[in-house]
Amino acid sequence: MNNRKSVGLFVSMAFGAALAGASVAHAATLSISCGAVGQEFEFCKTGTEAWAKKTGNEVKLISTPNSATERLALYQQLLAAGAADVDVFQIDVVWPGTLANHLTDLTPYAKDAVKEHFPAIIKNNTVDGKLVAMPWFTDAGLLYYRKDLLAKHGAQPPQTWQELAETAKKIQDAERAAGNDKMWGFVWQGRAYEGLTCNALEWVASYNGGTVVDESGKITINNPQAVAAINNAAGWVKTISPEGVLNYTEEESRGVFQSGNAAFMRNWPYAWPLAQGPESAIKDKVGVSALPKGGADGRSAATLGGWQLAVSKYSKNQELAADLVMYLTSAEEQKRRAVKGAYNPTIESLYKDQEILAAAPFMGELYDTFVNAVARPSTVTGANYNQASNQFWNAVHGVLSGRAKADASLAQLEASLKRMSRGGKW
């Protein structure tokens, strides 16, 4: 099936189902693509419903793949076809440069609201002087742990990756001996997709191994610290992490941890309210901390994540779509999402809000983790970022799965990135 036909089929299926139940005529009907990781879709639904009630318009939600990699491919397919059926896109923090040519400049609509948001994220969303997306929520990788199990086995939250591995193995073995043969020490996101880029960047940066490509455009990934970091992670597979972790995304990891079958988990903040939910097997047993360092001389490094809202330049209702974006990214809506869903605000003043801090204490305790998160090299690599990230996660996945050695894999990655950048520097 060619691209245009597949896009048409996607849109007709999504909207055919949605419009079948519509019985009330509104001034306009907008559509928004929302993620569905954890509670994302439900929070998008309630937020858009509030705007619709306020304005007298209607909003239809389109569900998209949970995998960021698959979602980007779908977006590119839709936008390349000039599809006007999707007005607002939820886009990853690393996509503005890739999708900018298809997005509306929101500067006239945002006005002074941009001053409320973290400047670094506004800068990230500005391409060639145009504000192509508004920050919706920010993210950084966190370490979740079982408070009860650490206390039971006389352990503290680990400060280094070595401590994590030792504590995870100790708890895993003891709990298996006590009857839980499904217990694992540590779960994370190991599938060959963008989530592995996030995990691996944290490992490499925590060992002072750089960020794959530095801010000047120099390719830095082939270094001894990065090799050590990737080798260390490969040692977790089949020892403290199941072999299946090589196909885990965020939700598979959360499923194992939330069912009570892992001592530690690397994930994003969205997992907090779900782990604390009334049906969670680990309710009130979970702690959250910064990710471990890569050794005594290393540092705690969390990859910057987060999602933005952008208006398609092919939308037939751009002004209304921009109004929806400004509502959903407002302080009031960001506070609601933070209190009920632990979605980290992009508005700095909200980190002093007592209701937010009561609902998700780690937002205050780990504030520095969020504001100093490590950015992926999306700005410097521009439109080539997705291809560069694909090369990185595949190189790492090869080592994790035992198909390649870290030193050889990173040397090959360096050579590939140099070819991609046409000379070794972006």
Protein backbone atom coordinates (compact mmCIF):
# COMPACT_ATOMS: atom_id res chain seq x y z
CA MET A 1 0.00 0.00 0.00
CA ASN A 2 1.50 3.40 -0.91
CA ASN A 3 1.91 6.21 1.65
CA ARG A 4 -1.03 8.28 0.50
CA LYS A 5 -3.42 5.34 0.59
CA SER A 6 -2.22 4.18 4.01
CA VAL A 7 -2.59 7.70 5.40
CA GLY A 8 -6.09 7.91 3.98
CA LEU A 9 -6.99 4.54 5.49
CA PHE A 10 -5.64 5.59 8.90
CA VAL A 11 -7.55 8.85 8.91
CA SER A 12 -10.78 7.35 7.61
CA MET A 13 -10.72 4.57 10.20
CA ALA A 14 -9.94 6.94 13.07
CA PHE A 15 -12.47 9.53 12.12
CA GLY A 16 -15.12 7.16 10.86
CA ALA A 17 -15.31 5.59 14.30
CA ALA A 18 -15.19 8.95 16.07
CA LEU A 19 -17.76 10.74 13.96
CA ALA A 20 -20.22 7.86 14.02
CA GLY A 21 -21.20 8.81 17.55
CA ALA A 22 -21.38 12.55 16.98
CA SER A 23 -24.89 13.88 17.27
CA VAL A 24 -24.44 17.53 18.17
CA ALA A 25 -23.27 20.09 15.63
CA HIS A 26 -20.56 22.39 16.94
CA ALA A 27 -18.93 25.48 15.57
CA ALA A 28 -15.88 23.47 14.61
CA THR A 29 -14.42 20.03 15.10
CA LEU A 30 -10.71 19.75 15.81
CA SER A 31 -8.59 16.63 16.04
CA ILE A 32 -5.57 15.98 18.23
CA SER A 33 -3.16 13.07 18.28
CA CYS A 34 -2.48 11.93 21.84
CA GLY A 35 -0.17 9.33 23.28
CA ALA A 36 -1.53 6.43 25.31
CA VAL A 37 1.38 5.51 27.59
CA GLY A 38 -0.05 5.04 31.07
CA GLN A 39 -2.84 7.60 31.61
CA GLU A 40 -1.84 9.92 28.76
CA PHE A 41 -4.90 9.35 26.62
CA GLU A 42 -7.36 9.82 29.48
CA PHE A 43 -5.73 13.09 30.59
CA CYS A 44 -5.72 14.35 27.01
CA LYS A 45 -9.41 13.47 26.78
CA THR A 46 -10.43 15.33 29.94
CA GLY A 47 -8.30 18.35 29.03
CA THR A 48 -9.72 18.68 25.54
CA GLU A 49 -13.26 18.13 26.81
CA ALA A 50 -12.84 21.07 29.19
CA TRP A 51 -11.67 23.31 26.33
CA ALA A 52 -14.53 22.12 24.12
CA LYS A 53 -17.08 22.93 26.81
CA LYS A 54 -15.54 26.35 27.33
CA THR A 55 -15.46 27.28 23.63
CA GLY A 56 -18.45 25.42 22.23
CA ASN A 57 -16.33 23.45 19.80
CA GLU A 58 -15.61 19.74 19.56
CA VAL A 59 -12.36 17.80 19.79
CA LYS A 60 -11.74 14.31 18.45
CA LEU A 61 -8.85 12.27 19.82
CA ILE A 62 -6.67 10.05 17.67
CA SER A 63 -4.69 7.34 19.43
CA THR A 64 -1.15 6.81 18.20
CA PRO A 65 1.48 4.10 18.80
CA ASN A 66 3.12 4.04 22.22
CA SER A 67 6.54 3.65 20.64
CA ALA A 68 7.98 7.10 19.93
CA THR A 69 9.78 5.68 16.92
CA GLU A 70 6.58 4.31 15.38
CA ARG A 71 4.70 7.49 16.22
CA LEU A 72 7.22 9.70 14.45
CA ALA A 73 7.05 7.50 11.35
CA LEU A 74 3.25 7.87 11.32
CA TYR A 75 3.45 11.64 11.77
CA GLN A 76 5.94 11.96 8.93
CA GLN A 77 3.68 9.90 6.73
CA LEU A 78 0.64 12.05 7.50
CA LEU A 79 2.45 15.37 7.16
CA ALA A 80 4.27 14.41 3.98
CA ALA A 81 0.85 13.71 2.46
CA GLY A 82 -0.39 17.12 3.58
CA ALA A 83 -3.24 15.53 5.52
CA ALA A 84 -5.48 18.25 6.97
CA ASP A 85 -7.42 15.90 9.22
CA VAL A 86 -5.08 16.19 12.22
CA ASP A 87 -4.96 19.71 13.66
CA VAL A 88 -2.78 19.26 16.75
CA PHE A 89 0.13 16.86 17.13
CA GLN A 90 1.71 15.73 20.40
CA ILE A 91 5.42 15.72 19.56
CA ASP A 92 8.52 14.51 21.38
CA VAL A 93 11.07 17.01 22.66
CA VAL A 94 13.53 15.84 19.98
CA TRP A 95 11.21 16.29 16.99
CA PRO A 96 10.83 20.08 16.45
CA GLY A 97 13.80 20.22 14.06
CA THR A 98 12.57 17.19 12.15
CA LEU A 99 8.95 18.33 11.73
CA ALA A 100 9.35 22.12 11.73
CA ASN A 101 8.57 22.61 8.03
CA HIS A 102 5.10 21.15 8.58
CA LEU A 103 4.21 23.13 11.71
CA THR A 104 2.61 26.52 12.37
CA ASP A 105 4.55 29.33 14.03
CA LEU A 106 2.82 29.75 17.41
CA THR A 107 4.60 33.00 18.34
CA PRO A 108 1.57 35.25 17.61
CA TYR A 109 -0.66 33.04 19.76
CA ALA A 110 1.72 32.40 22.66
CA LYS A 111 2.70 36.05 23.26
CA ASP A 112 3.90 36.52 26.87
CA ALA A 113 3.01 32.95 27.89
CA VAL A 114 6.43 31.79 26.68
CA LYS A 115 8.04 33.64 29.61
CA GLU A 116 6.35 31.26 32.09
CA HIS A 117 8.01 28.14 30.66
CA PHE A 118 11.56 26.87 31.12
CA PRO A 119 13.65 28.93 28.65
CA ALA A 120 15.63 25.88 27.54
CA ILE A 121 12.47 24.10 26.37
CA ILE A 122 11.18 27.19 24.56
CA LYS A 123 14.58 27.41 22.85
CA ASN A 124 14.34 23.72 21.95
CA ASN A 125 10.95 24.33 20.34
CA THR A 126 12.14 27.33 18.33
CA VAL A 127 13.43 26.51 14.85
CA ASP A 128 14.74 29.25 12.56
CA GLY A 129 13.10 31.87 14.75
CA LYS A 130 9.69 30.18 14.72
CA LEU A 131 8.02 28.72 17.81
CA VAL A 132 6.82 25.46 16.27
CA ALA A 133 5.51 23.86 19.48
CA MET A 134 4.48 24.73 23.04
CA PRO A 135 5.84 22.73 26.01
CA TRP A 136 3.20 20.44 27.55
CA PHE A 137 5.12 18.42 30.10
CA THR A 138 8.76 17.68 30.73
CA ASP A 139 10.38 14.43 31.70
CA ALA A 140 13.61 12.97 32.99
CA GLY A 141 14.61 9.40 33.71
CA LEU A 142 14.16 8.33 37.34
CA LEU A 143 15.03 5.31 39.46
CA TYR A 144 12.04 3.66 41.13
CA TYR A 145 12.70 1.23 43.97
CA ARG A 146 10.84 -0.94 46.44
CA LYS A 147 11.18 0.77 49.80
CA ASP A 148 9.88 -2.28 51.63
CA LEU A 149 12.34 -4.67 50.00
CA LEU A 150 15.32 -2.40 50.59
CA ALA A 151 14.35 -2.11 54.25
CA LYS A 152 13.77 -5.86 54.52
CA HIS A 153 17.21 -6.65 53.14
CA GLY A 154 19.09 -3.87 54.90
CA ALA A 155 19.87 -1.83 51.78
CA GLN A 156 19.85 1.84 50.82
CA PRO A 157 18.95 3.44 47.48
CA PRO A 158 22.05 2.91 45.32
CA GLN A 159 24.38 5.79 44.52
CA THR A 160 26.29 4.02 41.73
CA TRP A 161 25.40 1.49 39.06
CA GLN A 162 27.64 -1.05 40.78
CA GLU A 163 25.70 -0.60 44.02
CA LEU A 164 22.45 -1.02 42.11
CA ALA A 165 23.63 -4.27 40.53
CA GLU A 166 24.80 -5.67 43.87
CA THR A 167 21.63 -4.66 45.74
CA ALA A 168 19.38 -5.86 42.91
CA LYS A 169 21.09 -9.28 42.86
CA LYS A 170 20.87 -9.61 46.63
CA ILE A 171 17.15 -8.84 46.73
CA GLN A 172 16.37 -10.90 43.63
CA ASP A 173 18.09 -14.02 44.98
CA ALA A 174 16.58 -13.69 48.45
CA GLU A 175 13.05 -13.15 47.17
CA ARG A 176 13.32 -16.07 44.78
CA ALA A 177 14.53 -18.27 47.61
CA ALA A 178 11.49 -17.13 49.60
CA GLY A 179 9.13 -18.29 46.86
CA ASN A 180 8.80 -15.55 44.23
CA ASP A 181 10.52 -17.14 41.24
CA LYS A 182 9.37 -14.24 39.02
CA MET A 183 11.41 -11.64 40.91
CA TRP A 184 14.02 -9.63 39.01
CA GLY A 185 16.46 -7.06 40.25
CA PHE A 186 16.14 -4.31 37.66
CA VAL A 187 13.88 -3.54 34.69
CA TRP A 188 14.35 -0.80 32.09
CA GLN A 189 13.71 -0.02 28.42
CA GLY A 190 15.91 -2.21 26.22
CA ARG A 191 13.99 -2.52 22.96
CA ALA A 192 15.74 -1.13 19.87
CA TYR A 193 13.84 2.18 19.78
CA GLU A 194 14.11 5.76 21.03
CA GLY A 195 13.63 4.64 24.63
CA LEU A 196 16.92 2.74 24.47
CA THR A 197 18.65 5.89 23.25
CA CYS A 198 17.35 7.59 26.40
CA ASN A 199 18.53 4.78 28.70
CA ALA A 200 21.92 4.39 27.01
CA LEU A 201 22.57 8.13 27.00
CA GLU A 202 22.06 8.10 30.77
CA TRP A 203 24.57 5.28 31.19
CA VAL A 204 27.17 6.93 28.96
CA ALA A 205 26.76 10.40 30.47
CA SER A 206 26.89 8.98 34.02
CA TYR A 207 30.34 7.55 33.18
CA ASN A 208 31.40 10.97 31.82
CA GLY A 209 31.32 9.49 28.34
CA GLY A 210 29.61 12.45 26.66
CA THR A 211 26.38 12.74 24.70
CA VAL A 212 27.14 10.92 21.41
CA VAL A 213 27.50 14.23 19.56
CA ASP A 214 28.51 17.32 21.55
CA GLU A 215 27.04 20.82 21.22
CA SER A 216 29.71 21.86 18.74
CA GLY A 217 28.76 18.98 16.44
CA LYS A 218 31.76 16.80 17.24
CA ILE A 219 31.07 13.04 17.35
CA THR A 220 32.23 11.87 20.79
CA ILE A 221 30.67 8.45 21.35
CA ASN A 222 33.77 6.33 20.69
CA ASN A 223 35.59 6.70 24.01
CA PRO A 224 36.63 4.36 26.87
CA GLN A 225 34.01 5.69 29.31
CA ALA A 226 31.18 5.03 26.87
CA VAL A 227 32.52 1.53 26.20
CA ALA A 228 32.62 0.85 29.95
CA ALA A 229 29.06 2.13 30.41
CA ILE A 230 27.60 -0.05 27.65
CA ASN A 231 29.57 -3.10 28.79
CA ASN A 232 28.28 -2.61 32.31
CA ALA A 233 24.66 -2.51 31.15
CA ALA A 234 25.16 -5.61 29.00
CA GLY A 235 26.18 -7.43 32.16
CA TRP A 236 22.71 -6.89 33.64
CA VAL A 237 20.94 -8.96 31.00
CA LYS A 238 20.07 -12.45 32.29
CA THR A 239 21.66 -11.66 35.67
CA ILE A 240 19.55 -8.92 37.30
CA SER A 241 17.36 -8.20 34.25
CA PRO A 242 15.34 -10.72 32.23
CA GLU A 243 16.45 -11.45 28.68
CA GLY A 244 13.05 -10.11 27.66
CA VAL A 245 14.15 -6.62 28.76
CA LEU A 246 15.72 -6.39 25.30
CA ASN A 247 12.17 -5.96 24.01
CA TYR A 248 10.78 -3.82 26.85
CA THR A 249 9.38 -0.33 26.38
CA GLU A 250 8.10 1.84 29.25
CA GLU A 251 4.90 -0.12 29.73
CA GLU A 252 6.48 -3.60 29.79
CA SER A 253 8.93 -2.37 32.42
CA ARG A 254 6.15 -0.83 34.48
CA GLY A 255 4.07 -4.00 34.21
CA VAL A 256 6.81 -6.11 35.80
CA PHE A 257 7.62 -3.56 38.51
CA GLN A 258 4.02 -2.72 39.38
CA SER A 259 3.09 -6.39 39.68
CA GLY A 260 5.69 -6.68 42.43
CA ASN A 261 8.28 -8.58 40.41
CA ALA A 262 11.21 -6.17 40.33
CA ALA A 263 13.25 -4.39 42.98
CA PHE A 264 14.27 -1.46 40.75
CA MET A 265 12.94 0.20 37.61
CA ARG A 266 14.15 2.99 35.36
CA ASN A 267 11.18 4.94 34.00
CA TRP A 268 9.63 8.38 33.56
CA PRO A 269 7.53 10.27 36.15
CA TYR A 270 4.21 9.07 34.66
CA ALA A 271 4.73 5.71 36.39
CA TRP A 272 4.43 7.25 39.88
CA PRO A 273 0.61 7.67 40.20
CA LEU A 274 0.07 4.29 38.55
CA ALA A 275 2.38 2.55 41.03
CA GLN A 276 0.48 4.34 43.80
CA GLY A 277 -2.94 3.51 42.38
CA PRO A 278 -5.56 1.60 44.39
CA GLU A 279 -5.12 -1.58 42.33
CA SER A 280 -1.33 -1.51 42.35
CA ALA A 281 0.39 -4.45 44.07
CA ILE A 282 3.08 -2.07 45.33
CA LYS A 283 0.97 0.86 46.54
CA ASP A 284 2.82 2.84 49.26
CA LYS A 285 5.91 0.64 48.80
CA VAL A 286 7.67 2.74 46.17
CA GLY A 287 10.51 5.23 46.45
CA VAL A 288 11.94 7.46 43.71
CA SER A 289 15.48 8.78 43.42
CA ALA A 290 17.94 10.15 40.92
CA LEU A 291 19.57 7.57 38.68
CA PRO A 292 22.93 6.17 39.87
CA LYS A 293 26.34 7.52 39.00
CA GLY A 294 28.82 5.69 36.82
CA GLY A 295 31.23 5.24 39.71
CA ALA A 296 32.88 7.46 42.32
CA ASP A 297 34.02 9.91 39.65
CA GLY A 298 30.79 9.73 37.67
CA ARG A 299 27.59 11.70 37.94
CA SER A 300 23.87 11.10 38.03
CA ALA A 301 22.54 11.68 34.53
CA ALA A 302 18.90 11.70 33.46
CA THR A 303 17.88 12.06 29.83
CA LEU A 304 15.63 15.01 29.10
CA GLY A 305 12.27 13.89 27.85
CA GLY A 306 8.91 15.53 27.50
CA TRP A 307 6.21 16.29 25.00
CA GLN A 308 5.04 19.37 23.18
CA LEU A 309 1.90 20.37 21.30
CA ALA A 310 2.16 21.63 17.74
CA VAL A 311 -0.34 22.82 15.14
CA SER A 312 -0.17 21.37 11.65
CA LYS A 313 0.23 24.01 8.97
CA TYR A 314 -2.25 21.95 6.93
CA SER A 315 -5.00 22.45 9.54
CA LYS A 316 -8.08 24.26 8.26
CA ASN A 317 -8.66 25.69 11.75
CA GLN A 318 -5.22 26.96 12.73
CA GLU A 319 -6.38 29.77 15.00
CA LEU A 320 -8.72 27.48 16.96
CA ALA A 321 -6.07 24.75 17.08
CA ALA A 322 -3.58 27.25 18.49
CA ASP A 323 -6.14 28.28 21.11
CA LEU A 324 -6.53 24.63 22.12
CA VAL A 325 -2.75 24.29 22.40
CA MET A 326 -2.48 27.39 24.59
CA TYR A 327 -5.24 26.08 26.86
CA LEU A 328 -3.70 22.63 27.26
CA THR A 329 -0.25 24.08 28.01
CA SER A 330 -1.54 26.72 30.45
CA ALA A 331 -0.57 26.80 34.13
CA GLU A 332 -4.06 25.73 35.21
CA GLU A 333 -4.09 22.64 33.00
CA GLN A 334 -0.46 21.76 33.76
CA LYS A 335 -1.26 21.90 37.48
CA ARG A 336 -4.23 19.57 37.05
CA ARG A 337 -2.09 17.07 35.17
CA ALA A 338 0.72 17.33 37.72
CA VAL A 339 -1.54 16.74 40.73
CA LYS A 340 -3.54 13.90 39.24
CA GLY A 341 -1.07 12.32 36.84
CA ALA A 342 2.44 13.35 37.97
CA TYR A 343 3.16 14.98 34.63
CA ASN A 344 6.02 17.39 35.26
CA PRO A 345 5.11 21.00 34.46
CA THR A 346 7.17 23.09 32.07
CA ILE A 347 6.18 26.21 34.03
CA GLU A 348 8.80 26.89 36.69
CA SER A 349 6.47 28.55 39.23
CA LEU A 350 4.44 25.34 39.55
CA TYR A 351 7.38 23.59 41.23
CA LYS A 352 6.59 25.68 44.32
CA ASP A 353 2.90 24.77 44.31
CA GLN A 354 2.07 22.93 47.52
CA GLU A 355 -0.72 20.82 46.03
CA ILE A 356 1.64 19.53 43.35
CA LEU A 357 4.42 18.81 45.84
CA ALA A 358 1.99 16.96 48.11
CA ALA A 359 0.77 14.77 45.25
CA ALA A 360 4.22 14.07 43.76
CA PRO A 361 6.92 14.87 46.35
CA PHE A 362 9.74 13.86 44.02
CA MET A 363 9.03 16.90 41.82
CA GLY A 364 10.45 19.08 44.58
CA GLU A 365 13.04 16.64 45.87
CA LEU A 366 14.43 15.94 42.39
CA TYR A 367 13.94 19.42 40.93
CA ASP A 368 17.63 19.65 40.00
CA THR A 369 17.35 16.35 38.12
CA PHE A 370 14.65 17.80 35.89
CA VAL A 371 16.22 21.19 35.23
CA ASN A 372 19.69 19.71 34.60
CA ALA A 373 18.60 16.73 32.51
CA VAL A 374 20.87 15.66 29.65
CA ALA A 375 19.56 16.63 26.24
CA ARG A 376 19.77 14.24 23.33
CA PRO A 377 21.77 15.69 20.39
CA SER A 378 18.66 16.58 18.41
CA THR A 379 19.41 20.27 17.97
CA VAL A 380 22.90 19.83 16.58
CA THR A 381 21.94 16.94 14.28
CA GLY A 382 18.72 18.63 13.15
CA ALA A 383 16.68 16.72 10.59
CA ASN A 384 19.19 13.85 10.82
CA TYR A 385 18.49 13.21 14.51
CA ASN A 386 16.14 10.28 14.07
CA GLN A 387 18.61 8.52 11.78
CA ALA A 388 21.50 9.22 14.16
CA SER A 389 19.50 7.97 17.14
CA ASN A 390 18.53 4.86 15.19
CA GLN A 391 22.21 4.14 14.60
CA PHE A 392 22.96 4.65 18.30
CA TRP A 393 20.21 2.46 19.70
CA ASN A 394 21.00 -0.34 17.24
CA ALA A 395 24.69 -0.20 18.13
CA VAL A 396 23.84 -0.44 21.83
CA HIS A 397 21.23 -3.15 21.33
CA GLY A 398 23.78 -5.27 19.50
CA VAL A 399 26.04 -5.17 22.56
CA LEU A 400 23.22 -5.82 25.04
CA SER A 401 22.08 -8.86 23.08
CA GLY A 402 25.60 -10.28 22.86
CA ARG A 403 25.88 -9.91 19.09
CA ALA A 404 28.66 -7.32 19.26
CA LYS A 405 31.45 -6.05 21.50
CA ALA A 406 31.10 -2.52 22.85
CA ASP A 407 34.46 -1.21 21.60
CA ALA A 408 33.90 -2.48 18.07
CA SER A 409 30.26 -1.42 18.01
CA LEU A 410 30.98 2.16 19.11
CA ALA A 411 33.89 2.45 16.66
CA GLN A 412 31.55 1.36 13.88
CA LEU A 413 28.91 3.80 15.13
CA GLU A 414 31.43 6.63 15.03
CA ALA A 415 32.34 5.81 11.44
CA SER A 416 28.66 5.63 10.46
CA LEU A 417 27.87 8.99 12.08
CA LYS A 418 30.84 10.57 10.34
CA ARG A 419 29.51 9.39 6.99
CA MET A 420 26.08 10.68 7.88
CA SER A 421 27.45 14.10 8.82
CA ARG A 422 29.57 14.26 5.67
CA GLY A 423 32.92 14.92 7.24
CA GLY A 424 32.71 13.99 10.88
CA LYS A 425 31.02 17.09 12.28
CA TRP A 426 27.54 18.57 12.06
